[in-house]
N, C-alpha and C. Protein backbone atom coordinates (compact mmCIF):
# COMPACT_ATOMS: atom_id res chain seq x y z
N UNK A 1 359.57 130.62 16.12
CA UNK A 1 359.09 129.37 15.60
C UNK A 1 358.31 129.62 14.31
N UNK A 2 358.70 128.92 13.26
CA UNK A 2 358.04 129.08 11.97
C UNK A 2 356.83 128.16 11.91
N UNK A 3 355.74 128.71 11.43
CA UNK A 3 354.50 127.94 11.37
C UNK A 3 354.17 127.60 9.93
N UNK A 4 353.93 126.32 9.67
CA UNK A 4 353.56 125.89 8.32
C UNK A 4 352.10 126.24 8.06
N UNK A 5 351.83 126.66 6.86
CA UNK A 5 350.46 126.99 6.48
C UNK A 5 349.89 125.83 5.67
N UNK A 6 348.75 125.32 6.12
CA UNK A 6 348.08 124.25 5.39
C UNK A 6 347.23 124.88 4.30
N UNK A 7 347.64 124.72 3.05
CA UNK A 7 346.93 125.33 1.94
C UNK A 7 345.91 124.39 1.29
N UNK A 8 345.76 123.19 1.80
CA UNK A 8 344.84 122.23 1.17
C UNK A 8 343.40 122.73 1.22
N UNK A 9 343.00 123.33 2.32
CA UNK A 9 341.63 123.85 2.41
C UNK A 9 341.46 125.06 1.51
N UNK A 10 342.49 125.87 1.36
CA UNK A 10 342.41 127.02 0.47
C UNK A 10 342.22 126.57 -0.96
N UNK A 11 342.93 125.50 -1.34
CA UNK A 11 342.80 124.97 -2.70
C UNK A 11 341.40 124.42 -2.92
N UNK A 12 340.83 123.78 -1.89
CA UNK A 12 339.47 123.26 -2.01
C UNK A 12 338.49 124.41 -2.22
N UNK A 13 338.68 125.48 -1.48
CA UNK A 13 337.79 126.64 -1.63
C UNK A 13 337.90 127.26 -3.01
N UNK A 14 339.11 127.26 -3.56
CA UNK A 14 339.30 127.82 -4.89
C UNK A 14 338.57 127.01 -5.95
N UNK A 15 338.46 125.70 -5.73
CA UNK A 15 337.76 124.85 -6.70
C UNK A 15 336.28 125.22 -6.77
N UNK A 16 335.69 125.53 -5.62
CA UNK A 16 334.28 125.89 -5.58
C UNK A 16 334.15 127.39 -5.72
N UNK A 17 333.73 127.79 -6.86
CA UNK A 17 333.60 129.23 -7.12
C UNK A 17 332.22 129.68 -6.68
N UNK A 18 332.13 130.86 -6.17
CA UNK A 18 330.85 131.42 -5.79
C UNK A 18 330.60 131.37 -4.30
N UNK A 19 329.51 131.98 -3.92
CA UNK A 19 329.10 132.06 -2.52
C UNK A 19 328.42 130.76 -2.10
N UNK A 20 328.88 130.10 -1.03
CA UNK A 20 328.25 128.85 -0.62
C UNK A 20 326.80 129.03 -0.17
N UNK A 21 326.41 130.25 0.19
CA UNK A 21 325.03 130.51 0.59
C UNK A 21 324.12 130.76 -0.60
N UNK A 22 324.70 130.93 -1.77
CA UNK A 22 323.92 131.17 -2.99
C UNK A 22 323.45 129.83 -3.54
N UNK A 23 322.15 129.61 -3.54
CA UNK A 23 321.62 128.32 -3.97
C UNK A 23 321.28 128.30 -5.46
N UNK A 24 321.58 129.34 -6.20
CA UNK A 24 321.21 129.38 -7.62
C UNK A 24 321.95 128.33 -8.44
N UNK A 25 323.14 127.94 -8.02
CA UNK A 25 323.90 126.94 -8.77
C UNK A 25 323.84 125.56 -8.12
N UNK A 26 323.02 125.43 -7.08
CA UNK A 26 322.96 124.16 -6.35
C UNK A 26 322.56 123.00 -7.26
N UNK A 27 321.53 123.17 -8.07
CA UNK A 27 321.07 122.08 -8.94
C UNK A 27 322.12 121.72 -9.99
N UNK A 28 322.79 122.70 -10.54
CA UNK A 28 323.82 122.44 -11.54
C UNK A 28 324.99 121.71 -10.89
N UNK A 29 325.43 122.18 -9.73
CA UNK A 29 326.53 121.53 -9.01
C UNK A 29 326.15 120.10 -8.64
N UNK A 30 324.90 119.92 -8.20
CA UNK A 30 324.43 118.59 -7.82
C UNK A 30 324.40 117.66 -9.04
N UNK A 31 323.92 118.17 -10.16
CA UNK A 31 323.87 117.36 -11.39
C UNK A 31 325.28 116.96 -11.83
N UNK A 32 326.22 117.88 -11.73
CA UNK A 32 327.61 117.56 -12.09
C UNK A 32 328.17 116.47 -11.17
N UNK A 33 327.87 116.58 -9.89
CA UNK A 33 328.35 115.57 -8.94
C UNK A 33 327.74 114.21 -9.24
N UNK A 34 326.44 114.18 -9.60
CA UNK A 34 325.79 112.91 -9.93
C UNK A 34 326.39 112.30 -11.18
N UNK A 35 326.70 113.12 -12.17
CA UNK A 35 327.32 112.62 -13.39
C UNK A 35 328.71 112.05 -13.08
N UNK A 36 329.43 112.73 -12.21
CA UNK A 36 330.76 112.25 -11.83
C UNK A 36 330.64 110.91 -11.09
N UNK A 37 329.65 110.79 -10.19
CA UNK A 37 329.46 109.54 -9.47
C UNK A 37 329.06 108.42 -10.41
N UNK A 38 328.26 108.72 -11.42
CA UNK A 38 327.83 107.66 -12.34
C UNK A 38 329.03 107.12 -13.11
N UNK A 39 330.04 107.94 -13.32
CA UNK A 39 331.26 107.48 -13.98
C UNK A 39 332.09 106.57 -13.10
N UNK A 40 331.83 106.61 -11.79
CA UNK A 40 332.57 105.77 -10.85
C UNK A 40 331.79 104.50 -10.50
N UNK A 41 330.73 104.23 -11.27
CA UNK A 41 329.90 103.03 -11.07
C UNK A 41 329.34 102.92 -9.66
N UNK A 42 328.79 104.01 -9.17
CA UNK A 42 328.15 104.01 -7.86
C UNK A 42 326.81 103.30 -7.99
N UNK A 43 326.66 102.19 -7.30
CA UNK A 43 325.42 101.42 -7.40
C UNK A 43 324.49 101.80 -6.26
N UNK A 44 323.36 102.42 -6.60
CA UNK A 44 322.40 102.78 -5.58
C UNK A 44 321.02 102.24 -5.90
N UNK A 45 320.86 101.60 -7.02
CA UNK A 45 319.58 101.05 -7.41
C UNK A 45 319.87 99.86 -8.32
N UNK A 46 318.85 99.10 -8.66
CA UNK A 46 319.07 97.95 -9.52
C UNK A 46 319.72 98.37 -10.83
N UNK A 47 320.59 97.56 -11.34
CA UNK A 47 321.30 97.78 -12.60
C UNK A 47 322.20 99.01 -12.57
N UNK A 48 322.60 99.43 -11.36
CA UNK A 48 323.57 100.51 -11.24
C UNK A 48 323.05 101.90 -11.51
N UNK A 49 321.74 102.08 -11.52
CA UNK A 49 321.17 103.41 -11.77
C UNK A 49 321.29 104.25 -10.50
N UNK A 50 321.59 105.51 -10.67
CA UNK A 50 321.61 106.44 -9.54
C UNK A 50 320.16 106.83 -9.29
N UNK A 51 319.76 106.81 -8.03
CA UNK A 51 318.36 107.11 -7.70
C UNK A 51 317.97 108.49 -8.19
N UNK A 52 316.78 108.60 -8.76
CA UNK A 52 316.29 109.89 -9.24
C UNK A 52 315.69 110.71 -8.11
N UNK A 53 315.00 110.06 -7.20
CA UNK A 53 314.36 110.76 -6.10
C UNK A 53 315.24 110.64 -4.87
N UNK A 54 316.05 111.64 -4.61
CA UNK A 54 317.01 111.58 -3.52
C UNK A 54 316.36 111.76 -2.16
N UNK A 55 315.09 112.16 -2.11
CA UNK A 55 314.45 112.36 -0.82
C UNK A 55 313.98 111.04 -0.21
N UNK A 56 313.93 109.97 -1.01
CA UNK A 56 313.53 108.67 -0.46
C UNK A 56 314.69 108.07 0.32
N UNK A 57 314.41 107.65 1.51
CA UNK A 57 315.45 107.04 2.34
C UNK A 57 315.47 105.54 2.11
N UNK A 58 316.64 104.99 2.02
CA UNK A 58 316.78 103.55 1.94
C UNK A 58 317.03 103.04 3.35
N UNK A 59 315.98 102.55 3.98
CA UNK A 59 316.08 102.10 5.36
C UNK A 59 316.28 100.59 5.37
N UNK A 60 317.43 100.17 5.85
CA UNK A 60 317.72 98.75 5.99
C UNK A 60 318.89 98.59 6.94
N UNK A 61 319.11 97.39 7.35
CA UNK A 61 320.18 97.14 8.30
C UNK A 61 321.53 97.19 7.61
N UNK A 62 322.57 97.36 8.38
CA UNK A 62 323.93 97.40 7.83
C UNK A 62 324.28 96.08 7.17
N UNK A 63 323.81 94.98 7.76
CA UNK A 63 324.10 93.66 7.18
C UNK A 63 323.48 93.51 5.80
N UNK A 64 322.24 94.00 5.64
CA UNK A 64 321.59 93.94 4.33
C UNK A 64 322.34 94.81 3.32
N UNK A 65 322.82 95.96 3.76
CA UNK A 65 323.57 96.84 2.86
C UNK A 65 324.85 96.18 2.39
N UNK A 66 325.55 95.53 3.31
CA UNK A 66 326.80 94.84 2.95
C UNK A 66 326.52 93.70 1.99
N UNK A 67 325.46 92.93 2.25
CA UNK A 67 325.09 91.82 1.37
C UNK A 67 324.78 92.32 -0.04
N UNK A 68 324.06 93.43 -0.15
CA UNK A 68 323.71 93.93 -1.47
C UNK A 68 324.93 94.42 -2.22
N UNK A 69 325.89 95.03 -1.52
CA UNK A 69 327.12 95.49 -2.18
C UNK A 69 327.93 94.30 -2.66
N UNK A 70 328.03 93.27 -1.82
CA UNK A 70 328.79 92.08 -2.20
C UNK A 70 328.15 91.39 -3.39
N UNK A 71 326.82 91.27 -3.38
CA UNK A 71 326.16 90.61 -4.50
C UNK A 71 326.24 91.45 -5.77
N UNK A 72 326.18 92.76 -5.64
CA UNK A 72 326.25 93.63 -6.82
C UNK A 72 327.64 93.63 -7.44
N UNK A 73 328.65 93.40 -6.63
CA UNK A 73 330.02 93.42 -7.15
C UNK A 73 330.57 92.02 -7.33
N UNK A 74 329.72 91.03 -7.17
CA UNK A 74 330.11 89.62 -7.30
C UNK A 74 331.28 89.26 -6.39
N UNK A 75 331.35 89.90 -5.23
CA UNK A 75 332.38 89.59 -4.26
C UNK A 75 333.74 90.17 -4.57
N UNK A 76 333.88 90.97 -5.63
CA UNK A 76 335.21 91.47 -5.99
C UNK A 76 335.77 92.43 -4.95
N UNK A 77 334.90 93.07 -4.15
CA UNK A 77 335.40 93.94 -3.09
C UNK A 77 336.15 93.13 -2.04
N UNK A 78 335.58 92.02 -1.66
CA UNK A 78 336.20 91.17 -0.65
C UNK A 78 337.50 90.58 -1.19
N UNK A 79 337.47 90.10 -2.42
CA UNK A 79 338.65 89.49 -3.01
C UNK A 79 339.80 90.48 -3.13
N UNK A 80 339.46 91.74 -3.39
CA UNK A 80 340.53 92.73 -3.56
C UNK A 80 341.21 93.09 -2.25
N UNK A 81 340.58 92.77 -1.13
CA UNK A 81 341.18 93.07 0.17
C UNK A 81 342.27 92.09 0.53
N UNK A 82 342.28 90.91 -0.07
CA UNK A 82 343.24 89.88 0.30
C UNK A 82 344.41 89.85 -0.62
């Protein structure tokens, strides 16, 4: 019986260079990820700013979170589903 090899995880590992236990590049990698997210219009604060202090938790109900997303996107998320 021939077994297929799933190379998707290998490709993911190749993208991330370096030792995952090495924290010396953590801040640079994190900054790159934040810049990439800002290009995708990730809204996490008023006027679409990405939060600067990531240690602050946004504690609210799921209903409040959904309402804020709908109001921030002017309902275009819901409209795009139909």
